[in-house]
Amino acid sequence: MEVNGKEYAAIRLLGKGKGGYSYLVSEGHRQYVLKQIHHEPCDYYRFGNKIEAELNDYKRLREAGIRMPELLDVDIREERLLKEYIEGETIYDLVLSDKMEPVYLEQVREMCGRLYPAGLNIDYFPTNFVVQEQKLYYIDYECNEYMEEWNFENWGIRYWSRTEAFMQYVEEHKQMTHKTTLSEDAGDTSP
C-alpha cells in the first residue's frame, strides 16, 4: 500500500468503520495504521467529504487535548491517512475478556471533561479506544457536535461493560472479533 508514493507492507486488517478500513502496515522496523477511506453506504450516518472531515476532526480533537495517535501523512488523491500505531488491547477486547479496569472509565470521563466544554462528542464505542501502558487512547478521529443523547453517559457507557447491549453486539458481530490476516488472493480481507 502506498501513501504519497511511499510504500508500506500491509500486515493485517485492523477493522472497518463507517468511513474506512484500517490496516496495520510497516515500513522496515516501524508499524503504522493506514486508513483507506471507503464510500460504502451507511444507513445511520451522513458524510460529506470524508478525508476533509478526518483532517478537521483531528485538528478539533488535538485542540481539545484528547490523547490519540498522531497523524503522520495524508494522501488526498488516494484518500489515505497514515497514523501512529498505538499497540494495545481495545476496550472492547478488555470488556469481552473481563479485564476492564475502573481507571479506563475515569480516563474516558476525563476526555469528556475536555470534549463537552469544546462542544464535541466522539464515537464512544469501545473498539475506538486502545490501552497502552495503562493510558487510554482514542484511536479514531471522528467527532461531532455535542448532543446529550450521544454523550458517554447516555450512549457510550452501554458498551463499556458486559451489558445486554454489549453482549447483543458481540453475538451479532462474532466474526469481526477475530484478527484478520491479509490474504494473498486479490486483497481478500474476510475473516
C-alpha atoms as a PDB file:
ATOM      1  CA  MET A   1       0.000   0.000   0.000  1.00  0.00           C
ATOM      2  CA  GLU A   2       1.227   3.499  -0.788  1.00  0.00           C
ATOM      3  CA  VAL A   3       0.833   6.909   0.803  1.00  0.00           C
ATOM      4  CA  ASN A   4       2.062   9.761  -1.415  1.00  0.00           C
ATOM      5  CA  GLY A   5       4.239   7.308  -3.364  1.00  0.00           C
ATOM      6  CA  LYS A   6       5.864   5.746  -0.278  1.00  0.00           C
ATOM      7  CA  GLU A   7       5.280   2.004   0.050  1.00  0.00           C
ATOM      8  CA  TYR A   8       4.146   0.228   3.201  1.00  0.00           C
ATOM      9  CA  ALA A   9       3.791  -3.515   3.656  1.00  0.00           C
ATOM     10  CA  ALA A  10       0.277  -4.497   4.715  1.00  0.00           C
ATOM     11  CA  ILE A  11       0.293  -6.832   7.722  1.00  0.00           C
ATOM     12  CA  ARG A  12      -3.394  -7.230   8.551  1.00  0.00           C
ATOM     13  CA  LEU A  13      -6.781  -5.586   8.604  1.00  0.00           C
ATOM     14  CA  LEU A  14      -7.406  -3.937  11.964  1.00  0.00           C
ATOM     15  CA  GLY A  15     -11.024  -3.051  11.355  1.00  0.00           C
ATOM     16  CA  LYS A  16     -13.691  -1.465   9.224  1.00  0.00           C
ATOM     17  CA  GLY A  17     -15.587   1.601  10.353  1.00  0.00           C
ATOM     18  CA  LYS A  18     -18.263   3.859   8.945  1.00  0.00           C
ATOM     19  CA  GLY A  19     -15.694   5.797   6.951  1.00  0.00           C
ATOM     20  CA  GLY A  20     -12.858   3.453   6.090  1.00  0.00           C
ATOM     21  CA  TYR A  21     -10.740   0.358   6.502  1.00  0.00           C
ATOM     22  CA  SER A  22      -7.757   0.491   8.881  1.00  0.00           C
ATOM     23  CA  TYR A  23      -4.727  -1.677   8.206  1.00  0.00           C
ATOM     24  CA  LEU A  24      -1.624  -2.377  10.245  1.00  0.00           C
ATOM     25  CA  VAL A  25       1.282  -1.616   7.905  1.00  0.00           C
ATOM     26  CA  SER A  26       5.039  -1.446   8.265  1.00  0.00           C
ATOM     27  CA  GLU A  27       7.998   0.263   6.763  1.00  0.00           C
ATOM     28  CA  GLY A  28      11.107  -1.531   7.925  1.00  0.00           C
ATOM     29  CA  HIS A  29      11.064  -1.839  11.712  1.00  0.00           C
ATOM     30  CA  ARG A  30       8.235   0.589  12.435  1.00  0.00           C
ATOM     31  CA  GLN A  31       4.492  -0.113  12.286  1.00  0.00           C
ATOM     32  CA  TYR A  32       1.707   2.318  11.425  1.00  0.00           C
ATOM     33  CA  VAL A  33      -2.016   2.396  10.802  1.00  0.00           C
ATOM     34  CA  LEU A  34      -3.089   3.149   7.244  1.00  0.00           C
ATOM     35  CA  LYS A  35      -6.714   4.168   6.934  1.00  0.00           C
ATOM     36  CA  GLN A  36      -8.239   3.828   3.483  1.00  0.00           C
ATOM     37  CA  ILE A  37     -11.410   5.902   3.162  1.00  0.00           C
ATOM     38  CA  HIS A  38     -14.335   3.983   1.658  1.00  0.00           C
ATOM     39  CA  HIS A  39     -17.590   5.202   0.165  1.00  0.00           C
ATOM     40  CA  GLU A  40     -19.837   2.342   1.193  1.00  0.00           C
ATOM     41  CA  PRO A  41     -23.341   3.376   2.297  1.00  0.00           C
ATOM     42  CA  CYS A  42     -24.101   3.800   5.982  1.00  0.00           C
ATOM     43  CA  ASP A  43     -27.789   3.849   6.935  1.00  0.00           C
ATOM     44  CA  TYR A  44     -27.362   5.797  10.179  1.00  0.00           C
ATOM     45  CA  TYR A  45     -24.673   8.365   9.349  1.00  0.00           C
ATOM     46  CA  ARG A  46     -24.296  11.093   6.711  1.00  0.00           C
ATOM     47  CA  PHE A  47     -20.914  12.051   5.317  1.00  0.00           C
ATOM     48  CA  GLY A  48     -19.651  14.980   3.334  1.00  0.00           C
ATOM     49  CA  ASN A  49     -16.045  14.950   2.149  1.00  0.00           C
ATOM     50  CA  LYS A  50     -14.622  12.166   4.328  1.00  0.00           C
ATOM     51  CA  ILE A  51     -10.918  13.000   4.033  1.00  0.00           C
ATOM     52  CA  GLU A  52     -11.610  16.658   4.797  1.00  0.00           C
ATOM     53  CA  ALA A  53     -13.773  15.636   7.762  1.00  0.00           C
ATOM     54  CA  GLU A  54     -10.961  13.407   9.123  1.00  0.00           C
ATOM     55  CA  LEU A  55      -8.481  16.296   8.946  1.00  0.00           C
ATOM     56  CA  ASN A  56     -10.885  18.776  10.549  1.00  0.00           C
ATOM     57  CA  ASP A  57     -11.833  16.329  13.292  1.00  0.00           C
ATOM     58  CA  TYR A  58      -8.178  15.559  14.020  1.00  0.00           C
ATOM     59  CA  LYS A  59      -7.487  19.261  14.448  1.00  0.00           C
ATOM     60  CA  ARG A  60     -10.501  19.767  16.738  1.00  0.00           C
ATOM     61  CA  LEU A  61      -9.556  16.812  18.941  1.00  0.00           C
ATOM     62  CA  ARG A  62      -5.918  17.949  19.176  1.00  0.00           C
ATOM     63  CA  GLU A  63      -7.102  21.403  20.248  1.00  0.00           C
ATOM     64  CA  ALA A  64      -9.308  19.779  22.911  1.00  0.00           C
ATOM     65  CA  GLY A  65      -6.300  17.842  24.244  1.00  0.00           C
ATOM     66  CA  ILE A  66      -7.545  14.317  23.508  1.00  0.00           C
ATOM     67  CA  ARG A  67      -4.918  11.548  23.707  1.00  0.00           C
ATOM     68  CA  MET A  68      -4.852   9.929  20.260  1.00  0.00           C
ATOM     69  CA  PRO A  69      -2.449   8.696  17.579  1.00  0.00           C
ATOM     70  CA  GLU A  70      -0.510  11.324  15.700  1.00  0.00           C
ATOM     71  CA  LEU A  71      -1.473  11.921  12.079  1.00  0.00           C
ATOM     72  CA  LEU A  72       1.761  11.371  10.122  1.00  0.00           C
ATOM     73  CA  ASP A  73       0.774  11.747   6.465  1.00  0.00           C
ATOM     74  CA  VAL A  74      -2.263  12.278   4.247  1.00  0.00           C
ATOM     75  CA  ASP A  75      -2.693  11.218   0.632  1.00  0.00           C
ATOM     76  CA  ILE A  76      -5.620  13.336  -0.533  1.00  0.00           C
ATOM     77  CA  ARG A  77      -5.819  11.801  -4.028  1.00  0.00           C
ATOM     78  CA  GLU A  78      -5.920   8.188  -2.787  1.00  0.00           C
ATOM     79  CA  GLU A  79      -7.916   9.133   0.339  1.00  0.00           C
ATOM     80  CA  ARG A  80      -5.446   7.534   2.757  1.00  0.00           C
ATOM     81  CA  LEU A  81      -4.273   8.552   6.204  1.00  0.00           C
ATOM     82  CA  LEU A  82      -1.084   7.311   7.853  1.00  0.00           C
ATOM     83  CA  LYS A  83      -1.341   7.322  11.624  1.00  0.00           C
ATOM     84  CA  GLU A  84       0.824   6.401  14.573  1.00  0.00           C
ATOM     85  CA  TYR A  85       0.132   2.812  15.682  1.00  0.00           C
ATOM     86  CA  ILE A  86      -0.911   2.556  19.328  1.00  0.00           C
ATOM     87  CA  GLU A  87      -0.275  -1.047  20.294  1.00  0.00           C
ATOM     88  CA  GLY A  88      -2.518  -2.480  22.976  1.00  0.00           C
ATOM     89  CA  GLU A  89      -5.883  -4.016  23.682  1.00  0.00           C
ATOM     90  CA  THR A  90      -9.118  -2.246  22.819  1.00  0.00           C
ATOM     91  CA  ILE A  91     -11.692  -1.517  25.487  1.00  0.00           C
ATOM     92  CA  TYR A  92     -13.932  -3.895  23.531  1.00  0.00           C
ATOM     93  CA  ASP A  93     -11.430  -6.746  23.998  1.00  0.00           C
ATOM     94  CA  LEU A  94     -10.923  -5.876  27.670  1.00  0.00           C
ATOM     95  CA  VAL A  95     -14.674  -5.935  28.345  1.00  0.00           C
ATOM     96  CA  LEU A  96     -15.025  -9.186  26.396  1.00  0.00           C
ATOM     97  CA  SER A  97     -12.248 -10.872  28.407  1.00  0.00           C
ATOM     98  CA  ASP A  98     -13.377  -9.433  31.795  1.00  0.00           C
ATOM     99  CA  LYS A  99     -10.187  -7.360  32.146  1.00  0.00           C
ATOM    100  CA  MET A 100     -11.834  -3.939  32.216  1.00  0.00           C
ATOM    101  CA  GLU A 101     -10.459  -1.670  34.956  1.00  0.00           C
ATOM    102  CA  PRO A 102     -12.149   1.349  36.602  1.00  0.00           C
ATOM    103  CA  VAL A 103      -9.183   3.568  35.688  1.00  0.00           C
ATOM    104  CA  TYR A 104     -10.185   3.373  31.998  1.00  0.00           C
ATOM    105  CA  LEU A 105     -13.657   4.700  32.824  1.00  0.00           C
ATOM    106  CA  GLU A 106     -12.009   7.507  34.791  1.00  0.00           C
ATOM    107  CA  GLN A 107      -9.853   8.329  31.775  1.00  0.00           C
ATOM    108  CA  VAL A 108     -12.742   8.406  29.297  1.00  0.00           C
ATOM    109  CA  ARG A 109     -14.608  10.688  31.704  1.00  0.00           C
ATOM    110  CA  GLU A 110     -11.529  12.945  31.791  1.00  0.00           C
ATOM    111  CA  MET A 111     -11.759  13.060  27.984  1.00  0.00           C
ATOM    112  CA  CYS A 112     -15.428  14.029  28.307  1.00  0.00           C
ATOM    113  CA  GLY A 113     -14.348  16.841  30.624  1.00  0.00           C
ATOM    114  CA  ARG A 114     -12.346  18.258  27.712  1.00  0.00           C
ATOM    115  CA  LEU A 115     -14.818  17.409  24.946  1.00  0.00           C
ATOM    116  CA  TYR A 116     -18.105  18.700  26.352  1.00  0.00           C
ATOM    117  CA  PRO A 117     -16.863  22.258  27.027  1.00  0.00           C
ATOM    118  CA  ALA A 118     -15.494  22.259  23.445  1.00  0.00           C
ATOM    119  CA  GLY A 119     -18.978  21.291  22.209  1.00  0.00           C
ATOM    120  CA  LEU A 120     -17.870  17.853  20.982  1.00  0.00           C
ATOM    121  CA  ASN A 121     -18.776  14.190  21.201  1.00  0.00           C
ATOM    122  CA  ILE A 122     -16.595  11.361  19.942  1.00  0.00           C
ATOM    123  CA  ASP A 123     -17.580   7.832  18.940  1.00  0.00           C
ATOM    124  CA  TYR A 124     -17.557   6.185  22.359  1.00  0.00           C
ATOM    125  CA  PHE A 125     -17.883   2.644  21.005  1.00  0.00           C
ATOM    126  CA  PRO A 126     -15.184   0.555  22.773  1.00  0.00           C
ATOM    127  CA  THR A 127     -13.387  -0.574  19.593  1.00  0.00           C
ATOM    128  CA  ASN A 128     -12.286   3.064  19.195  1.00  0.00           C
ATOM    129  CA  PHE A 129     -10.190   3.032  22.381  1.00  0.00           C
ATOM    130  CA  VAL A 130      -6.858   1.314  22.990  1.00  0.00           C
ATOM    131  CA  VAL A 131      -4.995   0.959  26.280  1.00  0.00           C
ATOM    132  CA  GLN A 132      -1.217   1.199  26.172  1.00  0.00           C
ATOM    133  CA  GLU A 133       0.752   1.203  29.431  1.00  0.00           C
ATOM    134  CA  GLN A 134      -2.437   1.948  31.420  1.00  0.00           C
ATOM    135  CA  LYS A 135      -3.197   5.021  29.276  1.00  0.00           C
ATOM    136  CA  LEU A 136      -6.375   5.270  27.235  1.00  0.00           C
ATOM    137  CA  TYR A 137      -6.128   6.477  23.621  1.00  0.00           C
ATOM    138  CA  TYR A 138      -8.981   7.414  21.315  1.00  0.00           C
ATOM    139  CA  ILE A 139      -7.755   5.864  18.063  1.00  0.00           C
ATOM    140  CA  ASP A 140     -10.427   7.257  15.731  1.00  0.00           C
ATOM    141  CA  TYR A 141     -10.540  10.898  14.671  1.00  0.00           C
ATOM    142  CA  GLU A 142     -14.326  11.120  14.346  1.00  0.00           C
ATOM    143  CA  CYS A 143     -16.023  13.801  16.388  1.00  0.00           C
ATOM    144  CA  ASN A 144     -19.380  15.531  16.141  1.00  0.00           C
ATOM    145  CA  GLU A 145     -21.141  18.494  17.640  1.00  0.00           C
ATOM    146  CA  TYR A 146     -22.170  17.724  21.202  1.00  0.00           C
ATOM    147  CA  MET A 147     -25.628  16.216  21.646  1.00  0.00           C
ATOM    148  CA  GLU A 148     -26.650  14.940  25.059  1.00  0.00           C
ATOM    149  CA  GLU A 149     -28.251  11.761  23.708  1.00  0.00           C
ATOM    150  CA  TRP A 150     -24.903  10.705  22.140  1.00  0.00           C
ATOM    151  CA  ASN A 151     -22.604  11.620  25.031  1.00  0.00           C
ATOM    152  CA  PHE A 152     -20.726   8.996  27.024  1.00  0.00           C
ATOM    153  CA  GLU A 153     -23.188   8.866  29.925  1.00  0.00           C
ATOM    154  CA  ASN A 154     -26.245   8.346  27.711  1.00  0.00           C
ATOM    155  CA  TRP A 155     -24.858   6.197  24.908  1.00  0.00           C
ATOM    156  CA  GLY A 156     -21.233   5.105  25.198  1.00  0.00           C
ATOM    157  CA  ILE A 157     -21.391   3.683  28.724  1.00  0.00           C
ATOM    158  CA  ARG A 158     -23.800   0.991  27.492  1.00  0.00           C
ATOM    159  CA  TYR A 159     -20.876  -0.691  25.705  1.00  0.00           C
ATOM    160  CA  TRP A 160     -18.124  -0.330  28.327  1.00  0.00           C
ATOM    161  CA  SER A 161     -19.198  -3.363  30.366  1.00  0.00           C
ATOM    162  CA  ARG A 162     -20.902  -6.673  29.712  1.00  0.00           C
ATOM    163  CA  THR A 163     -24.345  -5.100  29.395  1.00  0.00           C
ATOM    164  CA  GLU A 164     -27.187  -6.548  27.375  1.00  0.00           C
ATOM    165  CA  ALA A 165     -26.396  -4.065  24.573  1.00  0.00           C
ATOM    166  CA  PHE A 166     -22.719  -5.096  24.548  1.00  0.00           C
ATOM    167  CA  MET A 167     -23.471  -8.826  24.544  1.00  0.00           C
ATOM    168  CA  GLN A 168     -26.048  -8.400  21.772  1.00  0.00           C
ATOM    169  CA  TYR A 169     -23.427  -6.608  19.668  1.00  0.00           C
ATOM    170  CA  VAL A 170     -20.906  -9.406  20.348  1.00  0.00           C
ATOM    171  CA  GLU A 171     -23.412 -12.027  19.261  1.00  0.00           C
ATOM    172  CA  GLU A 172     -24.282 -10.144  16.068  1.00  0.00           C
ATOM    173  CA  HIS A 173     -20.633  -9.497  15.144  1.00  0.00           C
ATOM    174  CA  LYS A 174     -18.781 -12.627  16.258  1.00  0.00           C
ATOM    175  CA  GLN A 175     -16.856 -12.946  13.001  1.00  0.00           C
ATOM    176  CA  MET A 176     -15.436  -9.430  13.466  1.00  0.00           C
ATOM    177  CA  THR A 177     -13.808 -10.179  16.830  1.00  0.00           C
ATOM    178  CA  HIS A 178     -11.150 -12.417  15.295  1.00  0.00           C
ATOM    179  CA  LYS A 179      -7.965 -10.841  13.992  1.00  0.00           C
ATOM    180  CA  THR A 180      -7.760 -10.925  10.228  1.00  0.00           C
ATOM    181  CA  THR A 181      -4.634 -11.599   8.221  1.00  0.00           C
ATOM    182  CA  LEU A 182      -4.428 -10.144   4.745  1.00  0.00           C
ATOM    183  CA  SER A 183      -4.856 -12.813   2.099  1.00  0.00           C
ATOM    184  CA  GLU A 184      -2.633 -13.049  -0.945  1.00  0.00           C
ATOM    185  CA  ASP A 185      -5.752 -13.583  -3.106  1.00  0.00           C
ATOM    186  CA  ALA A 186      -6.826 -10.261  -4.628  1.00  0.00           C
ATOM    187  CA  GLY A 187      -6.729  -8.370  -1.330  1.00  0.00           C
ATOM    188  CA  ASP A 188      -9.389 -10.507   0.318  1.00  0.00           C
ATOM    189  CA  THR A 189      -9.720  -9.369   3.943  1.00  0.00           C
ATOM    190  CA  SER A 190     -12.633 -11.500   5.048  1.00  0.00           C
ATOM    191  CA  PRO A 191     -12.112 -13.303   8.378  1.00  0.00           C
END
